[in-house]
PDB file of N, CA and C in Angstrom:
ATOM      1  N   MET A   1       0.886  -1.112  -0.216  1.00  0.00           N
ATOM      2  CA  MET A   1      -0.092  -0.061   0.197  1.00  0.00           C
ATOM      3  C   MET A   1       1.212   1.275   0.481  1.00  0.00           C
ATOM      4  N   ALA A   2       2.299   1.508   0.631  1.00  0.00           N
ATOM      5  CA  ALA A   2       2.677   2.410   0.802  1.00  0.00           C
ATOM      6  C   ALA A   2       3.682   2.644  -0.635  1.00  0.00           C
ATOM      7  N   ALA A   3       3.857   1.325  -1.395  1.00  0.00           N
ATOM      8  CA  ALA A   3       4.518   1.672  -2.692  1.00  0.00           C
ATOM      9  C   ALA A   3       3.273   2.572  -3.364  1.00  0.00           C
ATOM     10  N   ALA A   4       1.995   1.998  -3.604  1.00  0.00           N
ATOM     11  CA  ALA A   4       1.443   2.494  -4.273  1.00  0.00           C
ATOM     12  C   ALA A   4       0.802   3.909  -3.999  1.00  0.00           C
ATOM     13  N   ARG A   5       1.330   4.384  -3.041  1.00  0.00           N
ATOM     14  CA  ARG A   5       1.176   6.349  -2.452  1.00  0.00           C
ATOM     15  C   ARG A   5       2.737   6.867  -2.785  1.00  0.00           C
ATOM     16  N   THR A   6       3.212   6.297  -2.630  1.00  0.00           N
ATOM     17  CA  THR A   6       4.719   6.719  -3.377  1.00  0.00           C
ATOM     18  C   THR A   6       4.375   6.435  -4.478  1.00  0.00           C
ATOM     19  N   THR A   7       4.115   6.098  -5.570  1.00  0.00           N
ATOM     20  CA  THR A   7       4.016   6.040  -7.024  1.00  0.00           C
ATOM     21  C   THR A   7       2.968   7.159  -7.368  1.00  0.00           C
ATOM     22  N   SER A   8       1.652   6.698  -6.592  1.00  0.00           N
ATOM     23  CA  SER A   8       0.634   8.351  -7.014  1.00  0.00           C
ATOM     24  C   SER A   8       1.082   9.416  -6.719  1.00  0.00           C
ATOM     25  N   THR A   9       2.280   9.456  -6.030  1.00  0.00           N
ATOM     26  CA  THR A   9       2.603  10.753  -5.707  1.00  0.00           C
ATOM     27  C   THR A   9       3.741  11.640  -6.036  1.00  0.00           C
ATOM     28  N   VAL A  10       4.717  10.349  -6.600  1.00  0.00           N
ATOM     29  CA  VAL A  10       5.640  10.616  -8.337  1.00  0.00           C
ATOM     30  C   VAL A  10       4.908  11.055  -9.195  1.00  0.00           C
ATOM     31  N   VAL A  11       3.603  10.864  -9.564  1.00  0.00           N
ATOM     32  CA  VAL A  11       3.178  10.989 -10.597  1.00  0.00           C
ATOM     33  C   VAL A  11       1.996  11.976 -10.964  1.00  0.00           C
ATOM     34  N   ILE A  12       1.871  12.318  -9.250  1.00  0.00           N
ATOM     35  CA  ILE A  12       1.362  13.714  -9.406  1.00  0.00           C
ATOM     36  C   ILE A  12       2.201  15.155  -9.065  1.00  0.00           C
ATOM     37  N   LEU A  13       3.135  14.569  -8.652  1.00  0.00           N
ATOM     38  CA  LEU A  13       4.686  15.919  -9.103  1.00  0.00           C
ATOM     39  C   LEU A  13       4.886  16.161 -10.350  1.00  0.00           C
ATOM     40  N   ALA A  14       4.769  14.907 -10.994  1.00  0.00           N
ATOM     41  CA  ALA A  14       5.481  14.925 -12.237  1.00  0.00           C
ATOM     42  C   ALA A  14       4.775  15.764 -13.086  1.00  0.00           C
ATOM     43  N   ALA A  15       3.847  15.602 -12.792  1.00  0.00           N
ATOM     44  CA  ALA A  15       2.352  15.744 -14.045  1.00  0.00           C
ATOM     45  C   ALA A  15       2.399  17.764 -13.454  1.00  0.00           C
ATOM     46  N   SER A  16       2.394  17.478 -12.302  1.00  0.00           N
ATOM     47  CA  SER A  16       2.567  18.943 -11.823  1.00  0.00           C
ATOM     48  C   SER A  16       3.112  20.054 -12.208  1.00  0.00           C
ATOM     49  N   ALA A  17       4.702  19.426 -12.732  1.00  0.00           N
ATOM     50  CA  ALA A  17       6.081  19.713 -13.117  1.00  0.00           C
ATOM     51  C   ALA A  17       5.962  20.349 -14.001  1.00  0.00           C
ATOM     52  N   VAL A  18       5.108  19.268 -15.190  1.00  0.00           N
ATOM     53  CA  VAL A  18       4.818  19.509 -16.939  1.00  0.00           C
ATOM     54  C   VAL A  18       4.607  20.313 -17.044  1.00  0.00           C
ATOM     55  N   VAL A  19       2.680  20.722 -16.232  1.00  0.00           N
ATOM     56  CA  VAL A  19       1.904  21.775 -16.115  1.00  0.00           C
ATOM     57  C   VAL A  19       2.715  23.454 -16.160  1.00  0.00           C
ATOM     58  N   ILE A  20       3.248  23.398 -15.201  1.00  0.00           N
ATOM     59  CA  ILE A  20       3.953  24.393 -14.811  1.00  0.00           C
ATOM     60  C   ILE A  20       4.671  24.972 -15.523  1.00  0.00           C
ATOM     61  N   ALA A  21       6.095  23.535 -15.938  1.00  0.00           N
ATOM     62  CA  ALA A  21       6.622  23.814 -17.601  1.00  0.00           C
ATOM     63  C   ALA A  21       6.082  24.507 -18.077  1.00  0.00           C
ATOM     64  N   GLY A  22       4.959  24.315 -18.618  1.00  0.00           N
ATOM     65  CA  GLY A  22       3.915  24.214 -20.044  1.00  0.00           C
ATOM     66  C   GLY A  22       3.490  26.087 -19.615  1.00  0.00           C
ATOM     67  N   CYS A  23       2.798  26.207 -18.442  1.00  0.00           N
ATOM     68  CA  CYS A  23       2.780  27.526 -18.355  1.00  0.00           C
ATOM     69  C   CYS A  23       3.790  28.816 -18.363  1.00  0.00           C
ATOM     70  N   SER A  24       5.312  28.593 -18.036  1.00  0.00           N
ATOM     71  CA  SER A  24       6.071  29.191 -17.689  1.00  0.00           C
ATOM     72  C   SER A  24       6.776  29.938 -19.499  1.00  0.00           C
ATOM     73  N   THR A  25       6.892  29.540 -20.500  1.00  0.00           N
ATOM     74  CA  THR A  25       6.809  29.779 -21.369  1.00  0.00           C
ATOM     75  C   THR A  25       6.476  31.156 -21.785  1.00  0.00           C
ATOM     76  N   ALA A  26       7.904  31.990 -22.528  1.00  0.00           N
ATOM     77  CA  ALA A  26       7.183  33.251 -22.532  1.00  0.00           C
ATOM     78  C   ALA A  26       6.417  33.546 -23.424  1.00  0.00           C
ATOM     79  N   PRO A  27       5.725  34.845 -23.505  1.00  0.00           N
ATOM     80  CA  PRO A  27       5.017  35.305 -24.819  1.00  0.00           C
ATOM     81  C   PRO A  27       6.101  35.464 -26.408  1.00  0.00           C
ATOM     82  N   PRO A  28       5.199  35.354 -27.095  1.00  0.00           N
ATOM     83  CA  PRO A  28       5.578  35.576 -28.324  1.00  0.00           C
ATOM     84  C   PRO A  28       6.633  36.686 -28.848  1.00  0.00           C
ATOM     85  N   LYS A  29       7.784  37.764 -29.044  1.00  0.00           N
ATOM     86  CA  LYS A  29       8.269  38.887 -28.938  1.00  0.00           C
ATOM     87  C   LYS A  29       7.185  39.711 -29.756  1.00  0.00           C
ATOM     88  N   SER A  30       7.319  40.869 -30.019  1.00  0.00           N
ATOM     89  CA  SER A  30       6.671  41.916 -30.752  1.00  0.00           C
ATOM     90  C   SER A  30       7.214  42.197 -31.936  1.00  0.00           C
ATOM     91  N   PRO A  31       7.029  42.493 -33.131  1.00  0.00           N
ATOM     92  CA  PRO A  31       8.252  43.185 -33.844  1.00  0.00           C
ATOM     93  C   PRO A  31       9.300  43.990 -34.138  1.00  0.00           C
ATOM     94  N   GLU A  32       8.555  44.846 -32.836  1.00  0.00           N
ATOM     95  CA  GLU A  32       9.620  45.693 -32.476  1.00  0.00           C
ATOM     96  C   GLU A  32      10.944  44.973 -31.428  1.00  0.00           C
ATOM     97  N   GLN A  33      10.279  44.357 -30.669  1.00  0.00           N
ATOM     98  CA  GLN A  33      11.442  43.423 -29.975  1.00  0.00           C
ATOM     99  C   GLN A  33      12.789  42.487 -30.780  1.00  0.00           C
ATOM    100  N   GLU A  34      12.029  41.897 -32.086  1.00  0.00           N
ATOM    101  CA  GLU A  34      12.465  41.721 -32.828  1.00  0.00           C
ATOM    102  C   GLU A  34      13.603  42.344 -33.084  1.00  0.00           C
ATOM    103  N   ARG A  35      12.984  43.176 -33.881  1.00  0.00           N
ATOM    104  CA  ARG A  35      13.982  44.371 -34.712  1.00  0.00           C
ATOM    105  C   ARG A  35      14.864  44.897 -33.808  1.00  0.00           C
ATOM    106  N   ALA A  36      14.602  45.364 -32.384  1.00  0.00           N
ATOM    107  CA  ALA A  36      15.958  45.457 -31.864  1.00  0.00           C
ATOM    108  C   ALA A  36      16.911  44.642 -31.225  1.00  0.00           C
ATOM    109  N   ASP A  37      16.056  43.738 -31.788  1.00  0.00           N
ATOM    110  CA  ASP A  37      17.334  42.133 -31.220  1.00  0.00           C
ATOM    111  C   ASP A  37      18.449  42.137 -32.161  1.00  0.00           C
ATOM    112  N   ALA A  38      17.690  42.215 -33.185  1.00  0.00           N
ATOM    113  CA  ALA A  38      18.994  42.028 -34.498  1.00  0.00           C
ATOM    114  C   ALA A  38      19.419  43.463 -34.546  1.00  0.00           C
ATOM    115  N   ALA A  39      18.399  44.433 -34.345  1.00  0.00           N
ATOM    116  CA  ALA A  39      19.979  45.777 -34.404  1.00  0.00           C
ATOM    117  C   ALA A  39      20.727  45.628 -32.965  1.00  0.00           C
ATOM    118  N   THR A  40      20.918  44.916 -31.997  1.00  0.00           N
ATOM    119  CA  THR A  40      21.615  44.942 -30.971  1.00  0.00           C
ATOM    120  C   THR A  40      22.876  43.783 -31.466  1.00  0.00           C
ATOM    121  N   THR A  41      22.502  42.328 -32.121  1.00  0.00           N
ATOM    122  CA  THR A  41      23.656  41.426 -32.642  1.00  0.00           C
ATOM    123  C   THR A  41      24.353  42.347 -33.550  1.00  0.00           C
ATOM    124  N   GLU A  42      23.467  43.224 -34.378  1.00  0.00           N
ATOM    125  CA  GLU A  42      24.468  43.532 -35.638  1.00  0.00           C
ATOM    126  C   GLU A  42      25.219  44.356 -34.891  1.00  0.00           C
ATOM    127  N   ARG A  43      25.337  45.200 -33.722  1.00  0.00           N
ATOM    128  CA  ARG A  43      26.176  45.918 -33.562  1.00  0.00           C
ATOM    129  C   ARG A  43      27.334  44.916 -32.517  1.00  0.00           C
ATOM    130  N   VAL A  44      26.877  44.124 -31.633  1.00  0.00           N
ATOM    131  CA  VAL A  44      27.491  43.308 -30.937  1.00  0.00           C
ATOM    132  C   VAL A  44      28.947  42.991 -32.588  1.00  0.00           C
ATOM    133  N   GLU A  45      28.124  42.385 -33.313  1.00  0.00           N
ATOM    134  CA  GLU A  45      29.487  41.597 -34.551  1.00  0.00           C
ATOM    135  C   GLU A  45      30.141  42.647 -34.896  1.00  0.00           C
ATOM    136  N   ALA A  46      29.223  44.174 -35.137  1.00  0.00           N
ATOM    137  CA  ALA A  46      30.527  45.275 -35.611  1.00  0.00           C
ATOM    138  C   ALA A  46      31.358  45.913 -34.748  1.00  0.00           C
ATOM    139  N   ALA A  47      31.159  45.675 -33.232  1.00  0.00           N
ATOM    140  CA  ALA A  47      32.437  45.974 -32.172  1.00  0.00           C
ATOM    141  C   ALA A  47      33.022  44.301 -32.496  1.00  0.00           C
ATOM    142  N   PHE A  48      32.515  43.682 -32.509  1.00  0.00           N
ATOM    143  CA  PHE A  48      33.572  42.687 -32.529  1.00  0.00           C
ATOM    144  C   PHE A  48      34.553  42.400 -33.510  1.00  0.00           C
ATOM    145  N   ALA A  49      33.946  43.152 -34.584  1.00  0.00           N
ATOM    146  CA  ALA A  49      34.801  42.514 -36.244  1.00  0.00           C
ATOM    147  C   ALA A  49      35.832  44.172 -36.383  1.00  0.00           C
ATOM    148  N   ALA A  50      35.542  45.395 -35.564  1.00  0.00           N
ATOM    149  CA  ALA A  50      36.359  46.453 -35.103  1.00  0.00           C
ATOM    150  C   ALA A  50      37.435  46.163 -34.084  1.00  0.00           C
ATOM    151  N   ASN A  51      37.465  45.034 -33.382  1.00  0.00           N
ATOM    152  CA  ASN A  51      38.320  45.300 -32.179  1.00  0.00           C
ATOM    153  C   ASN A  51      39.896  44.872 -33.030  1.00  0.00           C
ATOM    154  N   PRO A  52      40.830  45.658 -32.946  1.00  0.00           N
ATOM    155  CA  PRO A  52      42.198  45.231 -33.580  1.00  0.00           C
ATOM    156  C   PRO A  52      42.951  44.314 -32.694  1.00  0.00           C
ATOM    157  N   ILE A  53      42.720  44.238 -31.456  1.00  0.00           N
ATOM    158  CA  ILE A  53      43.408  43.245 -30.794  1.00  0.00           C
ATOM    159  C   ILE A  53      43.349  41.913 -30.519  1.00  0.00           C
ATOM    160  N   TYR A  54      41.481  41.459 -30.735  1.00  0.00           N
ATOM    161  CA  TYR A  54      41.647  39.934 -30.563  1.00  0.00           C
ATOM    162  C   TYR A  54      40.789  39.751 -31.464  1.00  0.00           C
ATOM    163  N   TYR A  55      40.759  38.367 -31.832  1.00  0.00           N
ATOM    164  CA  TYR A  55      40.302  37.770 -33.172  1.00  0.00           C
ATOM    165  C   TYR A  55      38.766  36.966 -32.460  1.00  0.00           C
ATOM    166  N   LEU A  56      37.827  37.645 -33.006  1.00  0.00           N
ATOM    167  CA  LEU A  56      36.340  37.556 -32.433  1.00  0.00           C
ATOM    168  C   LEU A  56      35.256  37.027 -33.052  1.00  0.00           C
ATOM    169  N   HIS A  57      36.424  36.327 -34.844  1.00  0.00           N
ATOM    170  CA  HIS A  57      35.335  36.553 -35.899  1.00  0.00           C
ATOM    171  C   HIS A  57      34.706  35.196 -36.075  1.00  0.00           C
ATOM    172  N   ASP A  58      34.902  34.318 -34.995  1.00  0.00           N
ATOM    173  CA  ASP A  58      33.785  32.834 -35.076  1.00  0.00           C
ATOM    174  C   ASP A  58      33.764  33.121 -33.551  1.00  0.00           C
ATOM    175  N   VAL A  59      33.331  34.151 -32.624  1.00  0.00           N
ATOM    176  CA  VAL A  59      32.355  34.082 -31.853  1.00  0.00           C
ATOM    177  C   VAL A  59      30.661  34.069 -32.597  1.00  0.00           C
ATOM    178  N   ASP A  60      29.447  33.636 -32.634  1.00  0.00           N
ATOM    179  CA  ASP A  60      28.750  33.794 -32.584  1.00  0.00           C
ATOM    180  C   ASP A  60      27.587  34.170 -31.896  1.00  0.00           C
ATOM    181  N   VAL A  61      26.904  35.443 -32.090  1.00  0.00           N
ATOM    182  CA  VAL A  61      26.369  36.520 -31.509  1.00  0.00           C
ATOM    183  C   VAL A  61      24.774  36.575 -31.748  1.00  0.00           C
ATOM    184  N   SER A  62      24.075  36.745 -30.798  1.00  0.00           N
ATOM    185  CA  SER A  62      22.315  36.584 -31.237  1.00  0.00           C
ATOM    186  C   SER A  62      22.071  36.544 -29.426  1.00  0.00           C
ATOM    187  N   VAL A  63      21.103  37.724 -29.876  1.00  0.00           N
ATOM    188  CA  VAL A  63      20.396  38.398 -28.965  1.00  0.00           C
ATOM    189  C   VAL A  63      18.700  38.474 -28.789  1.00  0.00           C
ATOM    190  N   ASP A  64      18.849  38.052 -27.337  1.00  0.00           N
ATOM    191  CA  ASP A  64      16.995  37.328 -27.305  1.00  0.00           C
ATOM    192  C   ASP A  64      16.375  38.470 -25.942  1.00  0.00           C
ATOM    193  N   ASN A  65      15.664  39.127 -26.233  1.00  0.00           N
ATOM    194  CA  ASN A  65      15.509  40.447 -25.398  1.00  0.00           C
ATOM    195  C   ASN A  65      16.406  40.980 -24.293  1.00  0.00           C
ATOM    196  N   GLY A  66      17.430  41.448 -24.987  1.00  0.00           N
ATOM    197  CA  GLY A  66      18.621  41.948 -24.845  1.00  0.00           C
ATOM    198  C   GLY A  66      19.390  41.453 -23.813  1.00  0.00           C
ATOM    199  N   VAL A  67      19.276  40.085 -24.253  1.00  0.00           N
ATOM    200  CA  VAL A  67      21.009  38.886 -23.581  1.00  0.00           C
ATOM    201  C   VAL A  67      21.184  38.643 -24.597  1.00  0.00           C
ATOM    202  N   ALA A  68      22.457  38.867 -24.058  1.00  0.00           N
ATOM    203  CA  ALA A  68      23.636  38.293 -25.334  1.00  0.00           C
ATOM    204  C   ALA A  68      24.031  37.696 -24.976  1.00  0.00           C
ATOM    205  N   LEU A  69      23.906  36.777 -26.060  1.00  0.00           N
ATOM    206  CA  LEU A  69      24.526  34.691 -26.424  1.00  0.00           C
ATOM    207  C   LEU A  69      25.400  34.795 -27.257  1.00  0.00           C
ATOM    208  N   LEU A  70      26.611  34.747 -26.512  1.00  0.00           N
ATOM    209  CA  LEU A  70      27.866  34.679 -27.531  1.00  0.00           C
ATOM    210  C   LEU A  70      28.700  33.179 -27.229  1.00  0.00           C
ATOM    211  N   SER A  71      28.505  32.400 -28.521  1.00  0.00           N
ATOM    212  CA  SER A  71      29.281  31.078 -28.628  1.00  0.00           C
ATOM    213  C   SER A  71      30.031  30.944 -29.434  1.00  0.00           C
ATOM    214  N   GLY A  72      30.838  29.688 -29.627  1.00  0.00           N
ATOM    215  CA  GLY A  72      31.298  29.751 -30.914  1.00  0.00           C
ATOM    216  C   GLY A  72      32.881  29.317 -30.263  1.00  0.00           C
ATOM    217  N   TYR A  73      34.218  29.892 -30.803  1.00  0.00           N
ATOM    218  CA  TYR A  73      35.445  29.898 -30.278  1.00  0.00           C
ATOM    219  C   TYR A  73      36.203  31.384 -30.562  1.00  0.00           C
ATOM    220  N   VAL A  74      37.387  31.345 -29.441  1.00  0.00           N
ATOM    221  CA  VAL A  74      38.318  32.341 -29.422  1.00  0.00           C
ATOM    222  C   VAL A  74      39.693  31.371 -29.168  1.00  0.00           C
ATOM    223  N   TRP A  75      40.752  32.209 -29.351  1.00  0.00           N
ATOM    224  CA  TRP A  75      42.229  31.591 -28.566  1.00  0.00           C
ATOM    225  C   TRP A  75      42.668  31.435 -27.592  1.00  0.00           C
ATOM    226  N   THR A  76      42.010  32.449 -26.621  1.00  0.00           N
ATOM    227  CA  THR A  76      43.053  32.852 -25.449  1.00  0.00           C
ATOM    228  C   THR A  76      42.364  33.214 -24.306  1.00  0.00           C
ATOM    229  N   THR A  77      42.147  33.138 -23.262  1.00  0.00           N
ATOM    230  CA  THR A  77      41.292  33.137 -21.975  1.00  0.00           C
ATOM    231  C   THR A  77      41.089  35.284 -22.282  1.00  0.00           C
ATOM    232  N   ASP A  78      42.009  35.987 -22.810  1.00  0.00           N
ATOM    233  CA  ASP A  78      41.886  37.264 -23.053  1.00  0.00           C
ATOM    234  C   ASP A  78      40.806  37.396 -23.705  1.00  0.00           C
ATOM    235  N   ALA A  79      40.632  36.975 -24.998  1.00  0.00           N
ATOM    236  CA  ALA A  79      39.656  36.933 -25.731  1.00  0.00           C
ATOM    237  C   ALA A  79      38.455  36.606 -25.474  1.00  0.00           C
ATOM    238  N   LEU A  80      38.343  35.848 -24.973  1.00  0.00           N
ATOM    239  CA  LEU A  80      37.181  34.737 -23.914  1.00  0.00           C
ATOM    240  C   LEU A  80      36.422  36.290 -23.517  1.00  0.00           C
ATOM    241  N   TYR A  81      36.983  36.811 -22.280  1.00  0.00           N
ATOM    242  CA  TYR A  81      36.994  37.756 -21.659  1.00  0.00           C
ATOM    243  C   TYR A  81      37.205  38.951 -21.672  1.00  0.00           C
ATOM    244  N   HIS A  82      37.124  39.396 -23.132  1.00  0.00           N
ATOM    245  CA  HIS A  82      36.911  40.728 -23.397  1.00  0.00           C
ATOM    246  C   HIS A  82      36.103  40.534 -24.618  1.00  0.00           C
ATOM    247  N   ALA A  83      35.968  39.895 -25.058  1.00  0.00           N
ATOM    248  CA  ALA A  83      34.747  39.489 -25.970  1.00  0.00           C
ATOM    249  C   ALA A  83      33.095  39.694 -25.136  1.00  0.00           C
ATOM    250  N   GLN A  84      33.801  38.881 -24.073  1.00  0.00           N
ATOM    251  CA  GLN A  84      32.114  39.895 -23.091  1.00  0.00           C
ATOM    252  C   GLN A  84      31.990  40.623 -22.801  1.00  0.00           C
ATOM    253  N   MET A  85      33.506  41.548 -22.810  1.00  0.00           N
ATOM    254  CA  MET A  85      33.456  43.042 -21.966  1.00  0.00           C
ATOM    255  C   MET A  85      32.791  43.851 -22.904  1.00  0.00           C
ATOM    256  N   ILE A  86      33.627  43.524 -24.955  1.00  0.00           N
ATOM    257  CA  ILE A  86      32.587  44.264 -25.634  1.00  0.00           C
ATOM    258  C   ILE A  86      31.676  44.098 -25.611  1.00  0.00           C
ATOM    259  N   ALA A  87      30.610  42.876 -25.327  1.00  0.00           N
ATOM    260  CA  ALA A  87      29.043  42.556 -25.657  1.00  0.00           C
ATOM    261  C   ALA A  87      28.694  44.115 -24.645  1.00  0.00           C
ATOM    262  N   ARG A  88      29.072  43.400 -23.331  1.00  0.00           N
ATOM    263  CA  ARG A  88      28.559  44.396 -22.500  1.00  0.00           C
ATOM    264  C   ARG A  88      28.452  45.923 -22.879  1.00  0.00           C
ATOM    265  N   ARG A  89      29.269  46.558 -23.088  1.00  0.00           N
ATOM    266  CA  ARG A  89      29.555  47.765 -23.510  1.00  0.00           C
ATOM    267  C   ARG A  89      28.311  48.286 -24.443  1.00  0.00           C
ATOM    268  N   VAL A  90      27.803  47.235 -25.849  1.00  0.00           N
ATOM    269  CA  VAL A  90      27.196  47.963 -26.369  1.00  0.00           C
ATOM    270  C   VAL A  90      25.761  47.953 -25.924  1.00  0.00           C
ATOM    271  N   PRO A  91      25.381  49.185 -26.396  1.00  0.00           N
ATOM    272  CA  PRO A  91      23.486  50.149 -26.576  1.00  0.00           C
ATOM    273  C   PRO A  91      22.953  48.638 -26.280  1.00  0.00           C
ATOM    274  N   GLY A  92      21.679  48.071 -26.091  1.00  0.00           N
ATOM    275  CA  GLY A  92      20.807  47.155 -25.868  1.00  0.00           C
ATOM    276  C   GLY A  92      21.396  46.110 -25.199  1.00  0.00           C
ATOM    277  N   VAL A  93      22.256  45.860 -25.070  1.00  0.00           N
ATOM    278  CA  VAL A  93      22.789  43.985 -24.215  1.00  0.00           C
ATOM    279  C   VAL A  93      22.279  44.523 -22.947  1.00  0.00           C
ATOM    280  N   THR A  94      21.299  44.201 -22.094  1.00  0.00           N
ATOM    281  CA  THR A  94      21.149  43.842 -21.116  1.00  0.00           C
ATOM    282  C   THR A  94      22.280  43.074 -20.200  1.00  0.00           C
ATOM    283  N   GLN A  95      22.447  41.795 -20.504  1.00  0.00           N
ATOM    284  CA  GLN A  95      22.664  40.732 -20.286  1.00  0.00           C
ATOM    285  C   GLN A  95      24.044  40.304 -21.204  1.00  0.00           C
ATOM    286  N   VAL A  96      24.828  39.816 -20.315  1.00  0.00           N
ATOM    287  CA  VAL A  96      25.374  38.581 -21.547  1.00  0.00           C
ATOM    288  C   VAL A  96      25.971  37.102 -21.239  1.00  0.00           C
ATOM    289  N   ARG A  97      25.880  35.986 -21.838  1.00  0.00           N
ATOM    290  CA  ARG A  97      25.491  34.807 -21.700  1.00  0.00           C
ATOM    291  C   ARG A  97      26.783  34.254 -22.695  1.00  0.00           C
ATOM    292  N   SER A  98      27.819  33.776 -21.497  1.00  0.00           N
ATOM    293  CA  SER A  98      29.201  33.063 -22.572  1.00  0.00           C
ATOM    294  C   SER A  98      28.478  31.249 -22.708  1.00  0.00           C
ATOM    295  N   GLU A  99      28.574  30.925 -23.995  1.00  0.00           N
ATOM    296  CA  GLU A  99      29.166  29.878 -24.249  1.00  0.00           C
ATOM    297  C   GLU A  99      30.052  29.455 -25.017  1.00  0.00           C
ATOM    298  N   MET A 100      30.636  30.395 -25.058  1.00  0.00           N
ATOM    299  CA  MET A 100      32.473  30.498 -25.951  1.00  0.00           C
ATOM    300  C   MET A 100      33.255  29.011 -24.979  1.00  0.00           C
ATOM    301  N   GLU A 101      34.171  29.263 -26.341  1.00  0.00           N
ATOM    302  CA  GLU A 101      35.045  27.837 -25.817  1.00  0.00           C
ATOM    303  C   GLU A 101      36.182  28.149 -25.915  1.00  0.00           C
ATOM    304  N   LEU A 102      37.319  27.719 -25.649  1.00  0.00           N
ATOM    305  CA  LEU A 102      38.704  27.935 -26.450  1.00  0.00           C
ATOM    306  C   LEU A 102      39.283  27.004 -26.375  1.00  0.00           C
ATOM    307  N   GLU A 103      39.863  27.365 -27.629  1.00  0.00           N
ATOM    308  CA  GLU A 103      40.458  26.204 -29.066  1.00  0.00           C
ATOM    309  C   GLU A 103      41.725  26.287 -28.598  1.00  0.00           C
ATOM    310  N   ARG A 104      42.236  25.926 -28.336  1.00  0.00           N
ATOM    311  CA  ARG A 104      43.673  25.215 -27.755  1.00  0.00           C
ATOM    312  C   ARG A 104      44.588  25.331 -29.412  1.00  0.00           C
ATOM    313  N   GLN A 105      45.615  25.200 -29.563  1.00  0.00           N
ATOM    314  CA  GLN A 105      46.368  24.784 -30.476  1.00  0.00           C
ATOM    315  C   GLN A 105      45.762  25.811 -32.016  1.00  0.00           C
ATOM    316  N   GLY A 106      44.627  26.858 -31.439  1.00  0.00           N
ATOM    317  CA  GLY A 106      44.423  27.448 -33.005  1.00  0.00           C
ATOM    318  C   GLY A 106      43.820  25.836 -33.961  1.00  0.00           C
ATOM    319  N   ASN A 107      43.462  24.863 -33.443  1.00  0.00           N
ATOM    320  CA  ASN A 107      43.024  24.179 -34.592  1.00  0.00           C
ATOM    321  C   ASN A 107      41.765  24.427 -35.335  1.00  0.00           C
ATOM    322  N   ARG A 108      40.501  25.333 -34.483  1.00  0.00           N
ATOM    323  CA  ARG A 108      39.058  25.823 -35.293  1.00  0.00           C
ATOM    324  C   ARG A 108      39.625  26.837 -36.124  1.00  0.00           C
ATOM    325  N   GLY A 109      38.977  26.882 -37.335  1.00  0.00           N
ATOM    326  CA  GLY A 109      39.036  28.213 -37.503  1.00  0.00           C
ATOM    327  C   GLY A 109      40.979  28.791 -38.720  1.00  0.00           C
ATOM    328  N   GLY A 110      41.309  28.065 -38.350  1.00  0.00           N
ATOM    329  CA  GLY A 110      42.878  28.285 -38.256  1.00  0.00           C
ATOM    330  C   GLY A 110      43.352  28.924 -37.550  1.00  0.00           C
ATOM    331  N   GLY A 111      43.565  29.439 -36.506  1.00  0.00           N
ATOM    332  CA  GLY A 111      43.812  30.600 -35.403  1.00  0.00           C
ATOM    333  C   GLY A 111      45.488  29.867 -35.115  1.00  0.00           C
ATOM    334  N   ASP A 112      46.223  31.438 -35.042  1.00  0.00           N
ATOM    335  CA  ASP A 112      47.483  30.496 -35.067  1.00  0.00           C
ATOM    336  C   ASP A 112      48.185  30.821 -33.234  1.00  0.00           C
ATOM    337  N   GLY A 113      46.969  31.128 -32.331  1.00  0.00           N
ATOM    338  CA  GLY A 113      47.316  30.457 -31.034  1.00  0.00           C
ATOM    339  C   GLY A 113      47.296  31.985 -30.373  1.00  0.00           C
ATOM    340  N   ALA A 114      48.085  33.394 -31.385  1.00  0.00           N
ATOM    341  CA  ALA A 114      48.344  33.985 -30.569  1.00  0.00           C
ATOM    342  C   ALA A 114      47.262  34.931 -30.059  1.00  0.00           C
ATOM    343  N   GLY A 115      46.026  35.214 -30.232  1.00  0.00           N
ATOM    344  CA  GLY A 115      45.121  35.558 -29.746  1.00  0.00           C
ATOM    345  C   GLY A 115      44.810  37.210 -30.744  1.00  0.00           C
ATOM    346  N   SER A 116      45.537  37.456 -31.673  1.00  0.00           N
ATOM    347  CA  SER A 116      45.812  38.516 -32.076  1.00  0.00           C
ATOM    348  C   SER A 116      45.538  38.359 -33.485  1.00  0.00           C
ATOM    349  N   GLN A 117      44.956  38.707 -34.716  1.00  0.00           N
ATOM    350  CA  GLN A 117      44.803  39.123 -36.055  1.00  0.00           C
ATOM    351  C   GLN A 117      46.073  39.176 -36.906  1.00  0.00           C
TER     352      GLN A 117
END
């Protein structure tokens, strides 16, 4: 009998979690927010391209409601930290999330490991 109660409790908790997760989805973005995020993405990419010190061409940028997600590869820890710092300074960026990876030996995209262009 105790096993049946435990199973029922687990099923109820799992069903509740599914209902709560389903209700927590964000509403779709307005056309204005879509345009604002696209413009912010372009500004971050332009700031990366204009940087004369760090090779940030293999960093991918996407912006969602002002949150910049950085992914891709850099060749030095300095470049990783500076990419985040550069993105934070771009108008329209409210937060930066980094999923960048440090590529050792410059094996991805052909870098020389020196961290500069």
